[in-house]
Amino acid sequence: MTAAATWGRLLTAMVTPFTDGGALDTSRILPLVDHLLDHGSDGLVVCGTTGEAPTLSVAEKRTTFSAVVRAVGGRAPVIAGAGTNDTKDAIELSQIARDAGADGLLLVTPYYNKPSQEGLYRHFRTIAEAVDLPIMLYNVPGRTAVNLEAATCLRLAADVPNIIAVKEAGGNMMQITDLVAGAPKGFLVYSGEDGLVLPMLALGCHGVVSVTAHLVGDQMQQMIQAFLNGDTHTAARLHATMLPIVRACFQSTTPSPAPLKAALNMLGLPAGPPRLPLVAATEAEQAVIRTAMAQAGMPLPV
């Protein structure tokens, strides 16, 4: 069994909790970790997009990696978001994550500087050869302005032993089909889009790195297991049930994770506000979240 297979099917991309004033709040990490592991998560991804990685200093990332590893206490794998748009800095962050006890790395494609496919290949290979941890690549062209093409991803999978998975959040089902069809044995494709988990499972993907599992982790895990057991009717029903939550967490007017943090605050799992340049969900956006949570049967504190 490959390392990625032992990570499980449902990995939750965890928020980074802040105080109401915006400082890193490690006291809020353990309750959040316990909630996620008690509600369907097989593993946790920290300091990724949902964790507001671009707004965290290196020192804060080091603190967060260590705090989450301690809170998990060996109960589940911890995958550390160590990607950035500078190869040297990504190596440094990867080494920090390794020293903190992370079980693997999530490396996003470099953003803003728009490297070529050859540049992407060399970037990821250089990091992988510098840090002996299993690596999940992360393709999210809507945020980074660069697409890790299937051919480049598969070249890395074939050439670099510790590159063992990809989180594919581009939503291009033809590219995803090519990835699954061409993947070497043991290389796994995870959905990076909560609304596409079921169709991506149908294409042969292994699981999901989820945002909404903070709120519907049990249902997400149940959907995955129903599909794997051949109960596509139940899987489709659960997929439809979760879609209002997915839509509420990814509103066009406010980027993730602002809506998710609002929902967690409503549920009594304080995550604090997002950091600038993101802003907290407005009253109207929070109303959308409340409606979706009510539709999902989630009781809210009075």
Protein backbone atom coordinates (compact mmCIF):
# COMPACT_ATOMS: atom_id res chain seq x y z
CA MET A 1 0.00 0.00 0.00
CA THR A 2 1.34 3.44 -0.94
CA ALA A 3 1.60 6.30 1.53
CA ALA A 4 -1.25 8.12 -0.18
CA ALA A 5 -3.51 5.10 0.20
CA THR A 6 -2.83 5.09 3.94
CA TRP A 7 -3.84 8.76 4.10
CA GLY A 8 -7.42 7.71 3.47
CA ARG A 9 -10.24 8.85 1.23
CA LEU A 10 -11.41 12.00 3.03
CA LEU A 11 -8.78 14.57 3.88
CA THR A 12 -10.05 17.84 5.30
CA ALA A 13 -8.33 21.09 4.36
CA MET A 14 -8.39 22.64 7.82
CA VAL A 15 -8.98 26.30 8.59
CA THR A 16 -6.34 28.14 10.57
CA PRO A 17 -8.06 29.53 13.68
CA PHE A 18 -7.40 33.14 14.60
CA THR A 19 -8.38 35.24 17.57
CA ASP A 20 -11.09 37.82 17.05
CA GLY A 21 -8.23 40.28 16.58
CA GLY A 22 -6.63 38.18 13.85
CA ALA A 23 -3.71 36.59 15.71
CA LEU A 24 -2.95 32.89 15.37
CA ASP A 25 -4.90 31.06 18.09
CA THR A 26 -3.41 27.64 18.81
CA SER A 27 -5.86 27.10 21.70
CA ARG A 28 -8.61 26.62 19.12
CA ILE A 29 -6.72 23.91 17.21
CA LEU A 30 -7.41 20.88 19.45
CA PRO A 31 -11.23 21.30 19.54
CA LEU A 32 -11.26 21.70 15.78
CA VAL A 33 -9.02 18.67 15.22
CA ASP A 34 -11.19 16.56 17.53
CA HIS A 35 -14.33 17.67 15.70
CA LEU A 36 -12.91 16.78 12.29
CA LEU A 37 -11.55 13.40 13.33
CA ASP A 38 -14.82 12.56 15.09
CA HIS A 39 -16.83 13.41 11.98
CA GLY A 40 -15.45 11.49 9.04
CA SER A 41 -12.01 12.90 8.32
CA ASP A 42 -9.31 10.32 7.61
CA GLY A 43 -6.57 12.94 7.66
CA LEU A 44 -5.95 16.67 7.81
CA VAL A 45 -4.32 19.14 5.44
CA VAL A 46 -3.00 22.24 7.19
CA CYS A 47 -1.84 25.62 5.90
CA GLY A 48 -3.38 25.19 2.48
CA THR A 49 -5.83 27.47 0.69
CA THR A 50 -8.49 26.95 3.36
CA GLY A 51 -5.82 27.53 5.99
CA GLU A 52 -5.07 30.97 4.50
CA ALA A 53 -1.45 30.03 3.87
CA PRO A 54 -0.56 33.21 1.94
CA THR A 55 -1.31 35.30 5.04
CA LEU A 56 0.76 33.17 7.44
CA SER A 57 4.38 33.93 8.24
CA VAL A 58 6.96 31.16 8.20
CA ALA A 59 7.01 31.25 12.00
CA GLU A 60 3.22 30.92 12.13
CA LYS A 61 3.32 27.98 9.74
CA ARG A 62 5.94 26.28 11.89
CA THR A 63 3.77 26.82 14.96
CA THR A 64 0.65 25.57 13.17
CA PHE A 65 2.34 22.44 11.80
CA SER A 66 3.60 21.53 15.27
CA ALA A 67 0.34 22.35 17.04
CA VAL A 68 -1.76 20.25 14.66
CA VAL A 69 0.65 17.31 14.84
CA ARG A 70 0.46 17.44 18.65
CA ALA A 71 -3.33 17.75 18.63
CA VAL A 72 -3.73 14.81 16.25
CA GLY A 73 -1.42 12.70 18.39
CA GLY A 74 -0.95 9.99 15.80
CA ARG A 75 -4.67 9.43 15.23
CA ALA A 76 -4.52 10.46 11.57
CA PRO A 77 -2.02 11.66 8.97
CA VAL A 78 -1.16 15.35 8.84
CA ILE A 79 -0.35 16.77 5.42
CA ALA A 80 1.40 20.15 5.56
CA GLY A 81 0.87 22.83 2.96
CA ALA A 82 4.41 23.86 2.10
CA GLY A 83 4.03 25.15 -1.43
CA THR A 84 4.82 28.65 -2.57
CA ASN A 85 5.92 30.38 -5.74
CA ASP A 86 9.62 30.31 -4.87
CA THR A 87 11.33 26.92 -5.05
CA LYS A 88 13.93 27.72 -2.39
CA ASP A 89 11.28 28.93 0.06
CA ALA A 90 9.13 25.87 -0.64
CA ILE A 91 12.08 23.63 0.23
CA GLU A 92 12.57 25.52 3.50
CA LEU A 93 8.88 25.19 4.40
CA SER A 94 8.93 21.51 3.49
CA GLN A 95 11.89 20.92 5.80
CA ILE A 96 10.10 22.81 8.58
CA ALA A 97 7.03 20.61 8.07
CA ARG A 98 9.16 17.47 8.16
CA ASP A 99 10.84 18.57 11.39
CA ALA A 100 7.42 19.32 12.91
CA GLY A 101 6.35 15.72 12.33
CA ALA A 102 4.14 16.07 9.26
CA ASP A 103 3.35 12.85 7.42
CA GLY A 104 3.38 14.42 3.97
CA LEU A 105 3.38 17.62 1.98
CA LEU A 106 0.87 19.46 -0.16
CA LEU A 107 2.64 21.52 -2.83
CA VAL A 108 0.58 24.01 -4.79
CA THR A 109 1.62 25.10 -8.26
CA PRO A 110 3.58 28.37 -8.15
CA TYR A 111 1.24 31.34 -8.42
CA TYR A 112 1.68 34.78 -9.97
CA ASN A 113 4.94 34.04 -11.84
CA LYS A 114 3.20 31.59 -14.25
CA PRO A 115 5.97 29.05 -14.94
CA SER A 116 6.03 26.87 -18.03
CA GLN A 117 5.31 23.15 -17.82
CA GLU A 118 9.06 22.50 -17.73
CA GLY A 119 9.38 25.04 -14.93
CA LEU A 120 6.64 23.27 -12.98
CA TYR A 121 8.36 19.93 -13.49
CA ARG A 122 11.72 21.21 -12.25
CA HIS A 123 10.14 23.09 -9.34
CA PHE A 124 8.35 20.05 -7.96
CA ARG A 125 11.19 17.64 -8.67
CA THR A 126 13.71 19.89 -6.94
CA ILE A 127 11.57 20.10 -3.79
CA ALA A 128 10.84 16.37 -3.76
CA GLU A 129 14.53 15.51 -4.03
CA ALA A 130 15.36 17.85 -1.13
CA VAL A 131 12.79 16.50 1.36
CA ASP A 132 12.14 12.82 1.96
CA LEU A 133 8.39 13.02 2.56
CA PRO A 134 5.51 11.81 0.38
CA ILE A 135 4.11 14.64 -1.70
CA MET A 136 0.67 15.52 -3.03
CA LEU A 137 0.75 18.04 -5.86
CA TYR A 138 -2.01 20.65 -5.91
CA ASN A 139 -3.44 21.98 -9.15
CA VAL A 140 -5.83 24.90 -8.73
CA PRO A 141 -5.54 27.05 -11.86
CA GLY A 142 -8.44 29.30 -10.88
CA ARG A 143 -6.29 30.64 -8.05
CA THR A 144 -2.76 30.31 -9.43
CA ALA A 145 -3.23 31.25 -13.11
CA VAL A 146 -1.26 28.16 -14.19
CA ASN A 147 -2.50 24.67 -15.02
CA LEU A 148 -0.42 21.61 -14.17
CA GLU A 149 -1.18 19.64 -17.32
CA ALA A 150 -1.87 15.93 -17.09
CA ALA A 151 1.27 15.08 -19.06
CA THR A 152 3.46 17.08 -16.66
CA CYS A 153 1.80 15.61 -13.59
CA LEU A 154 2.18 12.07 -14.92
CA ARG A 155 5.81 12.72 -15.83
CA LEU A 156 6.47 13.73 -12.23
CA ALA A 157 4.57 10.69 -10.95
CA ALA A 158 6.72 8.42 -13.10
CA ASP A 159 10.07 10.10 -12.43
CA VAL A 160 9.92 11.08 -8.75
CA PRO A 161 9.19 8.26 -6.26
CA ASN A 162 7.90 10.43 -3.42
CA ILE A 163 5.40 12.33 -5.58
CA ILE A 164 2.48 10.04 -4.91
CA ALA A 165 -0.76 12.00 -5.40
CA VAL A 166 -2.38 15.08 -6.85
CA LYS A 167 -5.20 17.25 -5.58
CA GLU A 168 -6.96 18.26 -8.78
CA ALA A 169 -9.09 21.37 -8.38
CA GLY A 170 -9.24 22.52 -11.98
CA GLY A 171 -12.65 20.99 -12.67
CA ASN A 172 -11.57 19.81 -16.14
CA MET A 173 -13.08 16.35 -16.36
CA MET A 174 -11.16 15.48 -19.52
CA GLN A 175 -7.86 16.29 -17.80
CA ILE A 176 -8.94 14.29 -14.76
CA THR A 177 -9.79 11.33 -16.99
CA ASP A 178 -6.32 11.53 -18.55
CA LEU A 179 -4.72 11.64 -15.09
CA VAL A 180 -6.55 8.59 -13.82
CA ALA A 181 -6.01 6.63 -17.03
CA GLY A 182 -2.29 7.38 -17.17
CA ALA A 183 -1.42 7.21 -13.48
CA PRO A 184 1.32 4.73 -12.55
CA LYS A 185 0.47 2.13 -9.93
CA GLY A 186 0.07 3.73 -6.51
CA PHE A 187 -0.33 7.31 -7.77
CA LEU A 188 -3.68 8.66 -6.58
CA VAL A 189 -5.90 11.49 -7.77
CA TYR A 190 -7.95 13.40 -5.20
CA SER A 191 -10.77 15.79 -5.94
CA GLY A 192 -10.14 19.35 -4.90
CA GLU A 193 -13.71 20.39 -5.65
CA ASP A 194 -16.37 19.47 -3.09
CA GLY A 195 -19.14 19.69 -5.66
CA LEU A 196 -17.39 17.23 -7.99
CA VAL A 197 -16.42 14.47 -5.57
CA LEU A 198 -18.99 11.94 -6.77
CA PRO A 199 -18.37 12.39 -10.51
CA MET A 200 -14.62 12.29 -9.89
CA LEU A 201 -14.98 9.05 -7.92
CA ALA A 202 -16.86 7.69 -10.92
CA LEU A 203 -13.84 8.52 -13.08
CA GLY A 204 -11.58 6.55 -10.73
CA CYS A 205 -10.32 9.19 -8.32
CA HIS A 206 -9.35 8.00 -4.85
CA GLY A 207 -10.97 10.58 -2.61
CA VAL A 208 -11.21 14.27 -1.79
CA VAL A 209 -9.37 17.06 -0.04
CA SER A 210 -12.48 18.75 1.29
CA VAL A 211 -13.46 22.13 2.67
CA THR A 212 -17.08 21.36 3.55
CA ALA A 213 -16.12 18.28 5.56
CA HIS A 214 -15.78 20.75 8.44
CA LEU A 215 -19.60 20.81 8.34
CA VAL A 216 -20.71 17.61 6.59
CA GLY A 217 -17.79 15.27 7.15
CA ASP A 218 -19.93 12.30 8.16
CA GLN A 219 -22.11 12.68 5.07
CA MET A 220 -19.07 13.08 2.82
CA GLN A 221 -17.52 9.90 4.20
CA GLN A 222 -20.85 8.07 3.89
CA MET A 223 -21.15 9.15 0.26
CA ILE A 224 -17.66 7.89 -0.55
CA GLN A 225 -18.29 4.56 1.16
CA ALA A 226 -21.69 4.16 -0.52
CA PHE A 227 -20.09 4.68 -3.91
CA LEU A 228 -17.28 2.24 -3.16
CA ASN A 229 -19.87 -0.34 -2.07
CA GLY A 230 -21.78 0.05 -5.32
CA ASP A 231 -24.74 1.88 -3.80
CA THR A 232 -24.80 4.70 -6.32
CA HIS A 233 -28.38 5.66 -5.42
CA THR A 234 -27.41 6.46 -1.83
CA ALA A 235 -24.22 8.17 -2.99
CA ALA A 236 -26.19 10.40 -5.37
CA ARG A 237 -28.73 11.24 -2.66
CA LEU A 238 -25.99 12.26 -0.24
CA HIS A 239 -24.25 14.25 -2.96
CA ALA A 240 -27.44 16.22 -3.59
CA THR A 241 -28.02 16.72 0.14
CA MET A 242 -24.59 18.31 0.58
CA LEU A 243 -24.75 20.67 -2.39
CA PRO A 244 -26.47 23.54 -0.50
CA ILE A 245 -23.57 23.51 1.96
CA VAL A 246 -21.07 23.45 -0.90
CA ARG A 247 -22.77 26.42 -2.56
CA ALA A 248 -22.93 28.33 0.73
CA CYS A 249 -19.22 27.78 1.40
CA PHE A 250 -18.25 28.92 -2.09
CA GLN A 251 -20.43 31.97 -2.65
CA SER A 252 -19.44 34.12 -5.61
CA THR A 253 -19.43 37.26 -3.48
CA THR A 254 -17.00 36.08 -0.79
CA PRO A 255 -14.01 33.77 -1.25
CA SER A 256 -13.43 30.66 0.82
CA PRO A 257 -12.73 30.26 3.70
CA ALA A 258 -14.70 33.32 4.86
CA PRO A 259 -18.12 31.58 4.66
CA LEU A 260 -16.76 28.43 6.29
CA LYS A 261 -15.26 30.37 9.17
CA ALA A 262 -18.60 32.09 9.69
CA ALA A 263 -20.32 28.70 9.79
CA LEU A 264 -17.85 27.30 12.31
CA ASN A 265 -18.29 30.36 14.50
CA MET A 266 -22.07 29.82 14.35
CA LEU A 267 -21.62 26.19 15.42
CA GLY A 268 -19.59 27.10 18.48
CA LEU A 269 -16.28 25.99 16.97
CA PRO A 270 -14.59 29.38 16.96
CA ALA A 271 -12.32 29.84 13.96
CA GLY A 272 -12.17 33.62 14.16
CA PRO A 273 -12.27 35.92 11.15
CA PRO A 274 -10.30 35.57 7.94
CA ARG A 275 -7.25 37.74 7.52
CA LEU A 276 -7.04 40.62 5.10
CA PRO A 277 -7.24 40.83 2.18
CA LEU A 278 -10.16 38.45 2.82
CA VAL A 279 -13.02 39.89 4.84
CA ALA A 280 -15.66 38.30 7.03
CA ALA A 281 -18.94 37.15 5.49
CA THR A 282 -21.62 39.84 5.44
CA GLU A 283 -24.99 39.46 7.14
CA ALA A 284 -26.54 38.51 3.78
CA GLU A 285 -23.83 35.92 3.14
CA GLN A 286 -24.26 34.53 6.65
CA ALA A 287 -27.99 34.20 5.98
CA VAL A 288 -27.19 31.99 2.99
CA ILE A 289 -25.01 29.85 5.25
CA ARG A 290 -27.71 29.59 7.92
CA THR A 291 -30.30 28.54 5.35
CA ALA A 292 -28.01 25.87 3.92
CA MET A 293 -27.18 24.55 7.37
CA ALA A 294 -30.87 24.36 8.24
CA GLN A 295 -31.54 22.47 5.00
CA ALA A 296 -28.79 20.04 5.97
CA GLY A 297 -30.41 19.50 9.38
CA MET A 298 -27.58 21.09 11.32
CA PRO A 299 -28.80 22.54 14.63
CA LEU A 300 -27.50 26.00 15.38
CA PRO A 301 -27.05 27.38 18.88
CA VAL A 302 -29.85 29.76 19.85
